[in-house]
Amino acid sequence: VAPFFLRRQAGAIPCFCLAAASGAEARKASSSRAASVCVEVAATPPANAMRTIDGVTYSQGLKLDVHVPENARRGLFARKHPVVLYVHGGGWVKGDRKRVFSMPQWLTSRGYIFVAIDYRKVPRTDIDGQVRDVEAAISWVRRNIRRYNGDPNRVVLMGHSAGAHLSALVAAQGKANGLRGV
């Protein structure tokens, strides 16, 4: 996940590239028409566009928040929503699942379910322990996201700063369990 800026008439729009492997590739994607791999986080729809399930325990006392589009239909034949699983930043030592900026509002307004997780911090654990926490969150989402009308086969892992590093480690170690993107 590489942050970059798209140039528009009025200025720069902050974006996160979900599929680029390096900063150079992210800038290349931003300059081409391949902006479909990017998520703009500048526009914020009304706060009532979503429902939040706060503080769901997923492993060893670790919690996550599930942000669901307000208009999400339930039932056997309802369309399942794609899922963005977000790992926050904070230098591996601070931060929490509430540090999500306007991403929940923006993504849920476009039909995504947004899941933000906590993970154990250094020195309580090491980086490998944090990777295991992210793996546990992925497993939880794959097992439970249907309860919120999410599609367990359309999950993308996304992170910011230290969270992006942890997401990349999960992918590099082959522990992303068939996610659609990292």
N, C-alpha and C. Protein backbone atom coordinates (compact mmCIF):
# COMPACT_ATOMS: atom_id res chain seq x y z
N VAL A 1 0.86 -1.16 0.00
CA VAL A 1 0.00 0.00 0.00
C VAL A 1 0.90 1.22 0.00
N ALA A 2 0.79 2.03 -1.03
CA ALA A 2 1.64 3.19 -1.17
C ALA A 2 0.79 4.44 -1.27
N PRO A 3 0.91 5.36 -0.30
CA PRO A 3 0.14 6.60 -0.42
C PRO A 3 0.74 7.49 -1.51
N PHE A 4 -0.10 8.21 -2.21
CA PHE A 4 0.34 9.15 -3.21
C PHE A 4 -0.78 10.15 -3.44
N PHE A 5 -0.60 11.08 -4.35
CA PHE A 5 -1.60 12.09 -4.61
C PHE A 5 -1.94 12.14 -6.09
N LEU A 6 -3.24 12.17 -6.39
CA LEU A 6 -3.71 12.37 -7.76
C LEU A 6 -3.86 13.86 -7.99
N ARG A 7 -3.39 14.37 -9.10
CA ARG A 7 -3.54 15.80 -9.42
C ARG A 7 -4.89 16.02 -10.07
N ARG A 8 -5.64 16.95 -9.56
CA ARG A 8 -6.90 17.37 -10.15
C ARG A 8 -6.87 18.88 -10.27
N GLN A 9 -7.90 19.47 -10.85
CA GLN A 9 -7.89 20.92 -11.07
C GLN A 9 -7.65 21.71 -9.78
N ALA A 10 -8.31 21.37 -8.71
CA ALA A 10 -8.25 22.18 -7.50
C ALA A 10 -7.09 21.80 -6.59
N GLY A 11 -6.32 20.77 -6.92
CA GLY A 11 -5.20 20.39 -6.07
C GLY A 11 -5.03 18.89 -6.04
N ALA A 12 -4.44 18.41 -4.96
CA ALA A 12 -4.13 16.99 -4.85
C ALA A 12 -5.15 16.29 -3.98
N ILE A 13 -5.51 15.07 -4.40
CA ILE A 13 -6.45 14.25 -3.64
C ILE A 13 -5.66 13.10 -3.02
N PRO A 14 -5.64 12.94 -1.68
CA PRO A 14 -4.88 11.84 -1.09
C PRO A 14 -5.50 10.50 -1.47
N CYS A 15 -4.65 9.54 -1.85
CA CYS A 15 -5.09 8.23 -2.28
C CYS A 15 -4.21 7.16 -1.67
N PHE A 16 -4.70 5.95 -1.64
CA PHE A 16 -3.91 4.80 -1.25
C PHE A 16 -4.00 3.79 -2.38
N CYS A 17 -2.86 3.37 -2.89
CA CYS A 17 -2.84 2.41 -3.98
C CYS A 17 -2.89 1.01 -3.37
N LEU A 18 -3.90 0.23 -3.71
CA LEU A 18 -4.10 -1.08 -3.11
C LEU A 18 -3.29 -2.17 -3.78
N ALA A 19 -2.81 -1.99 -4.98
CA ALA A 19 -2.20 -3.09 -5.69
C ALA A 19 -0.74 -2.87 -6.07
N ALA A 20 -0.21 -1.69 -5.89
CA ALA A 20 1.16 -1.42 -6.32
C ALA A 20 2.16 -2.00 -5.34
N ALA A 21 3.29 -2.48 -5.86
CA ALA A 21 4.31 -3.09 -5.03
C ALA A 21 5.33 -2.08 -4.55
N SER A 22 5.43 -0.94 -5.21
CA SER A 22 6.42 0.05 -4.80
C SER A 22 5.89 1.44 -5.07
N GLY A 23 6.58 2.42 -4.51
CA GLY A 23 6.17 3.81 -4.71
C GLY A 23 6.20 4.21 -6.18
N ALA A 24 7.20 3.70 -6.92
CA ALA A 24 7.30 4.05 -8.35
C ALA A 24 6.10 3.51 -9.11
N GLU A 25 5.68 2.27 -8.80
CA GLU A 25 4.52 1.71 -9.48
C GLU A 25 3.25 2.45 -9.10
N ALA A 26 3.15 2.90 -7.85
CA ALA A 26 1.97 3.65 -7.42
C ALA A 26 1.87 4.96 -8.18
N ARG A 27 3.01 5.66 -8.35
CA ARG A 27 3.00 6.91 -9.10
C ARG A 27 2.65 6.65 -10.57
N LYS A 28 3.13 5.55 -11.12
CA LYS A 28 2.80 5.18 -12.50
C LYS A 28 1.29 4.95 -12.64
N ALA A 29 0.71 4.23 -11.66
CA ALA A 29 -0.73 3.98 -11.69
C ALA A 29 -1.52 5.28 -11.57
N SER A 30 -0.99 6.22 -10.77
CA SER A 30 -1.72 7.48 -10.58
C SER A 30 -1.71 8.33 -11.83
N SER A 31 -0.67 8.19 -12.65
CA SER A 31 -0.60 9.01 -13.85
C SER A 31 -1.33 8.37 -15.03
N SER A 32 -1.66 7.12 -14.94
CA SER A 32 -2.37 6.45 -16.03
C SER A 32 -3.86 6.42 -15.74
N ARG A 33 -4.60 5.79 -16.63
CA ARG A 33 -6.04 5.64 -16.45
C ARG A 33 -6.35 4.47 -15.53
N ALA A 34 -5.34 3.82 -14.97
CA ALA A 34 -5.54 2.65 -14.12
C ALA A 34 -5.87 3.04 -12.69
N ALA A 35 -6.59 4.12 -12.52
CA ALA A 35 -6.92 4.59 -11.18
C ALA A 35 -7.89 3.68 -10.45
N SER A 36 -8.38 2.63 -11.11
CA SER A 36 -9.30 1.71 -10.46
C SER A 36 -8.63 0.94 -9.33
N VAL A 37 -7.30 0.90 -9.31
CA VAL A 37 -6.61 0.21 -8.23
C VAL A 37 -6.41 1.11 -7.02
N CYS A 38 -6.90 2.34 -7.10
CA CYS A 38 -6.67 3.30 -6.04
C CYS A 38 -7.96 3.68 -5.34
N VAL A 39 -7.81 4.04 -4.07
CA VAL A 39 -8.96 4.46 -3.28
C VAL A 39 -8.74 5.91 -2.87
N GLU A 40 -9.60 6.80 -3.31
CA GLU A 40 -9.52 8.20 -2.89
C GLU A 40 -10.14 8.32 -1.51
N VAL A 41 -9.50 9.06 -0.62
CA VAL A 41 -10.03 9.19 0.73
C VAL A 41 -10.42 10.62 1.08
N ALA A 42 -10.51 11.49 0.10
CA ALA A 42 -10.79 12.89 0.38
C ALA A 42 -12.27 13.17 0.60
N ALA A 43 -13.12 12.65 -0.26
CA ALA A 43 -14.55 12.94 -0.17
C ALA A 43 -15.18 12.18 0.98
N THR A 44 -15.99 12.85 1.78
CA THR A 44 -16.64 12.21 2.91
C THR A 44 -18.14 12.40 2.80
N PRO A 45 -18.89 11.31 2.59
CA PRO A 45 -20.34 11.41 2.53
C PRO A 45 -20.92 11.61 3.93
N PRO A 46 -22.22 11.80 4.05
CA PRO A 46 -22.83 12.00 5.35
C PRO A 46 -22.54 10.85 6.30
N ALA A 47 -22.39 11.16 7.59
CA ALA A 47 -22.03 10.17 8.59
C ALA A 47 -23.09 9.09 8.75
N ASN A 48 -24.33 9.35 8.39
CA ASN A 48 -25.39 8.37 8.58
C ASN A 48 -25.44 7.33 7.46
N ALA A 49 -24.44 7.32 6.57
CA ALA A 49 -24.43 6.39 5.46
C ALA A 49 -23.98 4.99 5.89
N MET A 50 -23.66 4.80 7.18
CA MET A 50 -23.16 3.50 7.62
C MET A 50 -23.64 3.17 9.03
N ARG A 51 -23.49 1.91 9.33
CA ARG A 51 -23.77 1.38 10.66
C ARG A 51 -22.46 0.80 11.17
N THR A 52 -22.08 1.08 12.42
CA THR A 52 -20.82 0.60 12.96
C THR A 52 -21.07 -0.40 14.09
N ILE A 53 -20.43 -1.55 14.00
CA ILE A 53 -20.44 -2.54 15.06
C ILE A 53 -19.08 -2.41 15.73
N ASP A 54 -19.07 -1.88 16.94
CA ASP A 54 -17.86 -1.44 17.61
C ASP A 54 -17.34 -2.49 18.58
N GLY A 55 -16.04 -2.74 18.54
CA GLY A 55 -15.38 -3.53 19.56
C GLY A 55 -15.67 -5.02 19.56
N VAL A 56 -15.71 -5.64 18.39
CA VAL A 56 -15.92 -7.08 18.29
C VAL A 56 -14.58 -7.77 18.58
N THR A 57 -14.56 -8.72 19.51
CA THR A 57 -13.34 -9.44 19.83
C THR A 57 -13.05 -10.47 18.75
N TYR A 58 -11.82 -10.46 18.23
CA TYR A 58 -11.47 -11.44 17.20
C TYR A 58 -10.38 -12.40 17.64
N SER A 59 -9.57 -12.06 18.65
CA SER A 59 -8.51 -12.96 19.11
C SER A 59 -7.87 -12.41 20.36
N GLN A 60 -7.70 -13.24 21.37
CA GLN A 60 -6.94 -12.90 22.58
C GLN A 60 -7.22 -11.50 23.10
N GLY A 61 -8.46 -11.10 23.14
CA GLY A 61 -8.83 -9.78 23.63
C GLY A 61 -8.63 -8.66 22.63
N LEU A 62 -8.15 -8.95 21.44
CA LEU A 62 -8.01 -7.93 20.39
C LEU A 62 -9.37 -7.66 19.77
N LYS A 63 -9.59 -6.41 19.41
CA LYS A 63 -10.90 -6.00 18.91
C LYS A 63 -10.81 -5.44 17.50
N LEU A 64 -11.96 -5.44 16.85
CA LEU A 64 -12.09 -4.82 15.54
C LEU A 64 -13.44 -4.13 15.46
N ASP A 65 -13.54 -3.19 14.55
CA ASP A 65 -14.80 -2.49 14.27
C ASP A 65 -15.23 -2.85 12.85
N VAL A 66 -16.52 -3.08 12.67
CA VAL A 66 -17.08 -3.39 11.36
C VAL A 66 -17.99 -2.23 10.96
N HIS A 67 -17.69 -1.61 9.84
CA HIS A 67 -18.49 -0.50 9.31
C HIS A 67 -19.22 -1.02 8.08
N VAL A 68 -20.54 -1.00 8.15
CA VAL A 68 -21.39 -1.60 7.12
C VAL A 68 -22.21 -0.51 6.44
N PRO A 69 -22.36 -0.57 5.11
CA PRO A 69 -23.23 0.40 4.45
C PRO A 69 -24.64 0.34 5.03
N GLU A 70 -25.23 1.47 5.28
CA GLU A 70 -26.57 1.53 5.89
C GLU A 70 -27.60 0.80 5.04
N ASN A 71 -27.42 0.85 3.73
CA ASN A 71 -28.40 0.22 2.85
C ASN A 71 -28.10 -1.24 2.55
N ALA A 72 -27.19 -1.86 3.34
CA ALA A 72 -26.83 -3.26 3.10
C ALA A 72 -28.04 -4.16 3.35
N ARG A 73 -28.42 -4.89 2.33
CA ARG A 73 -29.55 -5.81 2.46
C ARG A 73 -29.06 -7.13 3.02
N ARG A 74 -29.93 -7.79 3.75
CA ARG A 74 -29.60 -9.09 4.30
C ARG A 74 -30.48 -10.13 3.66
N GLY A 75 -30.10 -11.36 3.84
CA GLY A 75 -30.91 -12.44 3.33
C GLY A 75 -30.15 -13.31 2.36
N LEU A 76 -30.74 -14.42 2.04
CA LEU A 76 -30.10 -15.43 1.22
C LEU A 76 -29.71 -14.92 -0.16
N PHE A 77 -30.55 -14.09 -0.77
CA PHE A 77 -30.31 -13.64 -2.14
C PHE A 77 -29.77 -12.21 -2.23
N ALA A 78 -29.47 -11.61 -1.10
CA ALA A 78 -28.93 -10.25 -1.10
C ALA A 78 -27.50 -10.25 -1.64
N ARG A 79 -27.16 -9.23 -2.38
CA ARG A 79 -25.80 -9.08 -2.91
C ARG A 79 -24.81 -8.90 -1.76
N LYS A 80 -23.76 -9.68 -1.76
CA LYS A 80 -22.73 -9.59 -0.72
C LYS A 80 -21.76 -8.46 -1.06
N HIS A 81 -21.32 -7.74 -0.04
CA HIS A 81 -20.45 -6.59 -0.23
C HIS A 81 -18.97 -6.98 -0.15
N PRO A 82 -18.12 -6.35 -0.97
CA PRO A 82 -16.68 -6.56 -0.83
C PRO A 82 -16.21 -5.94 0.48
N VAL A 83 -15.06 -6.40 0.97
CA VAL A 83 -14.57 -6.01 2.29
C VAL A 83 -13.16 -5.43 2.19
N VAL A 84 -12.93 -4.33 2.89
CA VAL A 84 -11.59 -3.77 3.06
C VAL A 84 -11.21 -3.97 4.52
N LEU A 85 -10.15 -4.75 4.75
CA LEU A 85 -9.63 -5.00 6.10
C LEU A 85 -8.44 -4.06 6.31
N TYR A 86 -8.57 -3.15 7.27
CA TYR A 86 -7.60 -2.06 7.45
C TYR A 86 -6.75 -2.27 8.70
N VAL A 87 -5.42 -2.14 8.52
CA VAL A 87 -4.46 -2.24 9.61
C VAL A 87 -3.86 -0.85 9.83
N HIS A 88 -4.08 -0.27 11.00
CA HIS A 88 -3.66 1.11 11.28
C HIS A 88 -2.15 1.24 11.40
N GLY A 89 -1.67 2.46 11.30
CA GLY A 89 -0.27 2.78 11.51
C GLY A 89 0.00 3.17 12.95
N GLY A 90 1.23 3.55 13.21
CA GLY A 90 1.62 3.99 14.54
C GLY A 90 3.00 3.51 14.95
N GLY A 91 3.84 3.22 13.99
CA GLY A 91 5.22 2.84 14.29
C GLY A 91 5.35 1.55 15.08
N TRP A 92 4.37 0.68 15.00
CA TRP A 92 4.33 -0.62 15.68
C TRP A 92 4.18 -0.50 17.20
N VAL A 93 4.16 0.72 17.73
CA VAL A 93 4.12 0.91 19.19
C VAL A 93 2.90 1.68 19.68
N LYS A 94 2.14 2.29 18.78
CA LYS A 94 0.97 3.07 19.19
C LYS A 94 -0.10 3.01 18.11
N GLY A 95 -1.20 3.69 18.33
CA GLY A 95 -2.30 3.70 17.36
C GLY A 95 -3.36 2.69 17.75
N ASP A 96 -4.51 2.80 17.12
CA ASP A 96 -5.59 1.84 17.36
C ASP A 96 -6.56 1.83 16.19
N ARG A 97 -7.56 0.97 16.28
CA ARG A 97 -8.50 0.76 15.17
C ARG A 97 -9.38 1.97 14.91
N LYS A 98 -9.41 2.94 15.81
CA LYS A 98 -10.22 4.15 15.62
C LYS A 98 -9.53 5.16 14.71
N ARG A 99 -8.26 4.97 14.42
CA ARG A 99 -7.47 5.89 13.60
C ARG A 99 -7.66 5.57 12.13
N VAL A 100 -8.84 5.86 11.62
CA VAL A 100 -9.19 5.45 10.26
C VAL A 100 -9.54 6.62 9.35
N PHE A 101 -9.40 7.83 9.86
CA PHE A 101 -9.69 9.03 9.08
C PHE A 101 -11.12 8.96 8.54
N SER A 102 -11.35 9.28 7.28
CA SER A 102 -12.71 9.24 6.73
C SER A 102 -12.95 8.00 5.86
N MET A 103 -12.06 7.03 5.96
CA MET A 103 -12.19 5.85 5.11
C MET A 103 -13.49 5.07 5.32
N PRO A 104 -13.97 4.87 6.56
CA PRO A 104 -15.22 4.12 6.70
C PRO A 104 -16.39 4.78 5.96
N GLN A 105 -16.53 6.08 6.10
CA GLN A 105 -17.63 6.78 5.44
C GLN A 105 -17.50 6.70 3.92
N TRP A 106 -16.30 6.92 3.43
CA TRP A 106 -16.08 6.93 1.99
C TRP A 106 -16.33 5.55 1.40
N LEU A 107 -15.76 4.52 2.00
CA LEU A 107 -15.89 3.17 1.44
C LEU A 107 -17.30 2.61 1.59
N THR A 108 -17.94 2.82 2.74
CA THR A 108 -19.29 2.28 2.90
C THR A 108 -20.27 2.98 1.96
N SER A 109 -20.03 4.25 1.65
CA SER A 109 -20.91 4.95 0.72
C SER A 109 -20.80 4.39 -0.69
N ARG A 110 -19.75 3.64 -0.93
CA ARG A 110 -19.54 3.02 -2.25
C ARG A 110 -19.79 1.52 -2.22
N GLY A 111 -20.41 1.03 -1.14
CA GLY A 111 -20.82 -0.36 -1.09
C GLY A 111 -19.85 -1.34 -0.47
N TYR A 112 -18.76 -0.85 0.10
CA TYR A 112 -17.79 -1.73 0.75
C TYR A 112 -18.11 -1.86 2.24
N ILE A 113 -17.72 -2.98 2.82
CA ILE A 113 -17.68 -3.11 4.27
C ILE A 113 -16.24 -2.82 4.68
N PHE A 114 -16.08 -2.00 5.73
CA PHE A 114 -14.76 -1.59 6.19
C PHE A 114 -14.54 -2.19 7.58
N VAL A 115 -13.47 -2.96 7.73
CA VAL A 115 -13.14 -3.58 9.02
C VAL A 115 -11.79 -3.02 9.46
N ALA A 116 -11.75 -2.40 10.64
CA ALA A 116 -10.52 -1.84 11.19
C ALA A 116 -10.14 -2.65 12.43
N ILE A 117 -8.87 -3.06 12.49
CA ILE A 117 -8.44 -3.95 13.57
C ILE A 117 -7.42 -3.29 14.49
N ASP A 118 -7.36 -3.82 15.71
CA ASP A 118 -6.26 -3.54 16.63
C ASP A 118 -5.28 -4.69 16.53
N TYR A 119 -4.03 -4.44 16.89
CA TYR A 119 -3.04 -5.50 17.02
C TYR A 119 -2.17 -5.17 18.22
N ARG A 120 -1.51 -6.19 18.76
CA ARG A 120 -0.64 -5.97 19.92
C ARG A 120 0.55 -5.10 19.51
N LYS A 121 1.01 -4.27 20.43
CA LYS A 121 2.09 -3.33 20.15
C LYS A 121 3.42 -3.85 20.69
N VAL A 122 4.51 -3.36 20.11
CA VAL A 122 5.85 -3.57 20.63
C VAL A 122 5.96 -2.67 21.87
N PRO A 123 6.45 -3.10 23.01
CA PRO A 123 7.22 -4.30 23.29
C PRO A 123 6.38 -5.48 23.81
N ARG A 124 5.06 -5.35 23.89
CA ARG A 124 4.23 -6.47 24.35
C ARG A 124 4.42 -7.70 23.47
N THR A 125 4.68 -7.48 22.20
CA THR A 125 4.99 -8.55 21.25
C THR A 125 6.02 -8.03 20.27
N ASP A 126 6.45 -8.87 19.37
CA ASP A 126 7.38 -8.43 18.32
C ASP A 126 6.63 -8.35 16.99
N ILE A 127 7.34 -8.04 15.92
CA ILE A 127 6.71 -7.89 14.61
C ILE A 127 6.04 -9.20 14.18
N ASP A 128 6.68 -10.33 14.46
CA ASP A 128 6.08 -11.63 14.10
C ASP A 128 4.75 -11.84 14.82
N GLY A 129 4.67 -11.40 16.07
CA GLY A 129 3.40 -11.48 16.81
C GLY A 129 2.34 -10.59 16.19
N GLN A 130 2.75 -9.42 15.72
CA GLN A 130 1.80 -8.52 15.06
C GLN A 130 1.31 -9.12 13.75
N VAL A 131 2.19 -9.79 13.02
CA VAL A 131 1.77 -10.47 11.79
C VAL A 131 0.75 -11.56 12.13
N ARG A 132 0.98 -12.31 13.22
CA ARG A 132 0.00 -13.32 13.64
C ARG A 132 -1.33 -12.69 13.99
N ASP A 133 -1.32 -11.49 14.60
CA ASP A 133 -2.57 -10.79 14.91
C ASP A 133 -3.33 -10.44 13.63
N VAL A 134 -2.61 -9.96 12.61
CA VAL A 134 -3.26 -9.64 11.33
C VAL A 134 -3.81 -10.92 10.71
N GLU A 135 -3.04 -12.01 10.76
CA GLU A 135 -3.53 -13.30 10.25
C GLU A 135 -4.82 -13.71 10.96
N ALA A 136 -4.85 -13.54 12.29
CA ALA A 136 -6.06 -13.89 13.06
C ALA A 136 -7.25 -13.04 12.63
N ALA A 137 -7.00 -11.76 12.34
CA ALA A 137 -8.08 -10.88 11.86
C ALA A 137 -8.58 -11.34 10.49
N ILE A 138 -7.66 -11.73 9.61
CA ILE A 138 -8.07 -12.23 8.29
C ILE A 138 -8.94 -13.47 8.47
N SER A 139 -8.52 -14.38 9.34
CA SER A 139 -9.30 -15.60 9.58
C SER A 139 -10.68 -15.27 10.13
N TRP A 140 -10.73 -14.32 11.06
CA TRP A 140 -12.03 -13.92 11.63
C TRP A 140 -12.94 -13.39 10.53
N VAL A 141 -12.40 -12.51 9.69
CA VAL A 141 -13.21 -11.92 8.62
C VAL A 141 -13.71 -13.02 7.69
N ARG A 142 -12.84 -13.93 7.30
CA ARG A 142 -13.25 -15.00 6.38
C ARG A 142 -14.36 -15.86 6.98
N ARG A 143 -14.31 -16.09 8.31
CA ARG A 143 -15.32 -16.92 8.98
C ARG A 143 -16.61 -16.17 9.30
N ASN A 144 -16.54 -14.87 9.56
CA ASN A 144 -17.67 -14.16 10.16
C ASN A 144 -18.29 -13.03 9.34
N ILE A 145 -17.67 -12.60 8.26
CA ILE A 145 -18.13 -11.40 7.57
C ILE A 145 -19.50 -11.59 6.92
N ARG A 146 -19.90 -12.81 6.66
CA ARG A 146 -21.24 -13.06 6.10
C ARG A 146 -22.34 -12.55 7.04
N ARG A 147 -22.09 -12.54 8.35
CA ARG A 147 -23.07 -12.01 9.31
C ARG A 147 -23.44 -10.56 9.01
N TYR A 148 -22.52 -9.85 8.39
CA TYR A 148 -22.70 -8.42 8.08
C TYR A 148 -22.97 -8.22 6.59
N ASN A 149 -23.29 -9.30 5.89
CA ASN A 149 -23.56 -9.31 4.46
C ASN A 149 -22.31 -9.02 3.63
N GLY A 150 -21.15 -9.41 4.17
CA GLY A 150 -19.91 -9.28 3.43
C GLY A 150 -19.57 -10.55 2.68
N ASP A 151 -18.77 -10.40 1.66
CA ASP A 151 -18.35 -11.51 0.82
C ASP A 151 -16.94 -11.96 1.25
N PRO A 152 -16.80 -13.13 1.88
CA PRO A 152 -15.48 -13.58 2.32
C PRO A 152 -14.52 -13.90 1.18
N ASN A 153 -15.02 -13.95 -0.03
CA ASN A 153 -14.17 -14.20 -1.20
C ASN A 153 -13.72 -12.92 -1.89
N ARG A 154 -14.17 -11.76 -1.38
CA ARG A 154 -13.75 -10.47 -1.94
C ARG A 154 -13.26 -9.58 -0.81
N VAL A 155 -12.10 -9.94 -0.25
CA VAL A 155 -11.50 -9.20 0.85
C VAL A 155 -10.15 -8.66 0.39
N VAL A 156 -9.92 -7.38 0.67
CA VAL A 156 -8.66 -6.73 0.37
C VAL A 156 -8.04 -6.28 1.69
N LEU A 157 -6.75 -6.52 1.86
CA LEU A 157 -6.02 -6.09 3.05
C LEU A 157 -5.34 -4.77 2.74
N MET A 158 -5.52 -3.80 3.63
CA MET A 158 -4.99 -2.45 3.42
C MET A 158 -4.40 -1.95 4.72
N GLY A 159 -3.31 -1.23 4.64
CA GLY A 159 -2.71 -0.68 5.84
C GLY A 159 -2.09 0.68 5.59
N HIS A 160 -1.82 1.37 6.68
CA HIS A 160 -1.16 2.67 6.61
C HIS A 160 0.11 2.60 7.45
N SER A 161 1.23 3.01 6.90
CA SER A 161 2.50 3.10 7.60
C SER A 161 2.87 1.73 8.17
N ALA A 162 2.97 1.60 9.49
CA ALA A 162 3.31 0.30 10.09
C ALA A 162 2.28 -0.76 9.70
N GLY A 163 1.03 -0.36 9.57
CA GLY A 163 -0.01 -1.29 9.14
C GLY A 163 0.20 -1.76 7.72
N ALA A 164 0.72 -0.90 6.85
CA ALA A 164 1.05 -1.30 5.49
C ALA A 164 2.21 -2.28 5.50
N HIS A 165 3.18 -2.04 6.39
CA HIS A 165 4.31 -2.96 6.52
C HIS A 165 3.83 -4.33 6.97
N LEU A 166 2.95 -4.37 7.97
CA LEU A 166 2.42 -5.65 8.44
C LEU A 166 1.61 -6.35 7.34
N SER A 167 0.83 -5.58 6.60
CA SER A 167 0.06 -6.14 5.49
C SER A 167 0.98 -6.74 4.44
N ALA A 168 2.06 -6.04 4.12
CA ALA A 168 3.02 -6.54 3.14
C ALA A 168 3.71 -7.80 3.64
N LEU A 169 4.04 -7.85 4.93
CA LEU A 169 4.66 -9.05 5.48
C LEU A 169 3.72 -10.25 5.40
N VAL A 170 2.45 -10.03 5.71
CA VAL A 170 1.46 -11.11 5.61
C VAL A 170 1.43 -11.64 4.18
N ALA A 171 1.42 -10.74 3.21
CA ALA A 171 1.37 -11.16 1.81
C ALA A 171 2.68 -11.84 1.40
N ALA A 172 3.82 -11.26 1.76
CA ALA A 172 5.12 -11.81 1.37
C ALA A 172 5.35 -13.19 1.96
N GLN A 173 4.82 -13.44 3.14
CA GLN A 173 4.98 -14.73 3.78
C GLN A 173 3.94 -15.75 3.33
N GLY A 174 3.08 -15.34 2.39
CA GLY A 174 2.08 -16.25 1.87
C GLY A 174 0.96 -16.56 2.84
N LYS A 175 0.69 -15.64 3.77
CA LYS A 175 -0.30 -15.88 4.81
C LYS A 175 -1.60 -15.09 4.58
N ALA A 176 -1.77 -14.57 3.38
CA ALA A 176 -2.96 -13.76 3.10
C ALA A 176 -4.18 -14.62 2.78
N ASN A 177 -4.03 -15.92 2.77
CA ASN A 177 -5.15 -16.86 2.61
C ASN A 177 -6.08 -16.53 1.46
N GLY A 178 -5.54 -16.28 0.29
CA GLY A 178 -6.36 -16.07 -0.90
C GLY A 178 -7.10 -14.75 -0.95
N LEU A 179 -6.61 -13.73 -0.28
CA LEU A 179 -7.27 -12.42 -0.36
C LEU A 179 -7.20 -11.91 -1.78
N ARG A 180 -8.16 -11.05 -2.15
CA ARG A 180 -8.23 -10.50 -3.50
C ARG A 180 -7.14 -9.48 -3.77
N GLY A 181 -6.58 -8.88 -2.73
CA GLY A 181 -5.55 -7.88 -2.92
C GLY A 181 -4.94 -7.47 -1.61
N VAL A 182 -3.74 -6.93 -1.68
CA VAL A 182 -3.05 -6.41 -0.51
C VAL A 182 -2.49 -5.06 -0.88
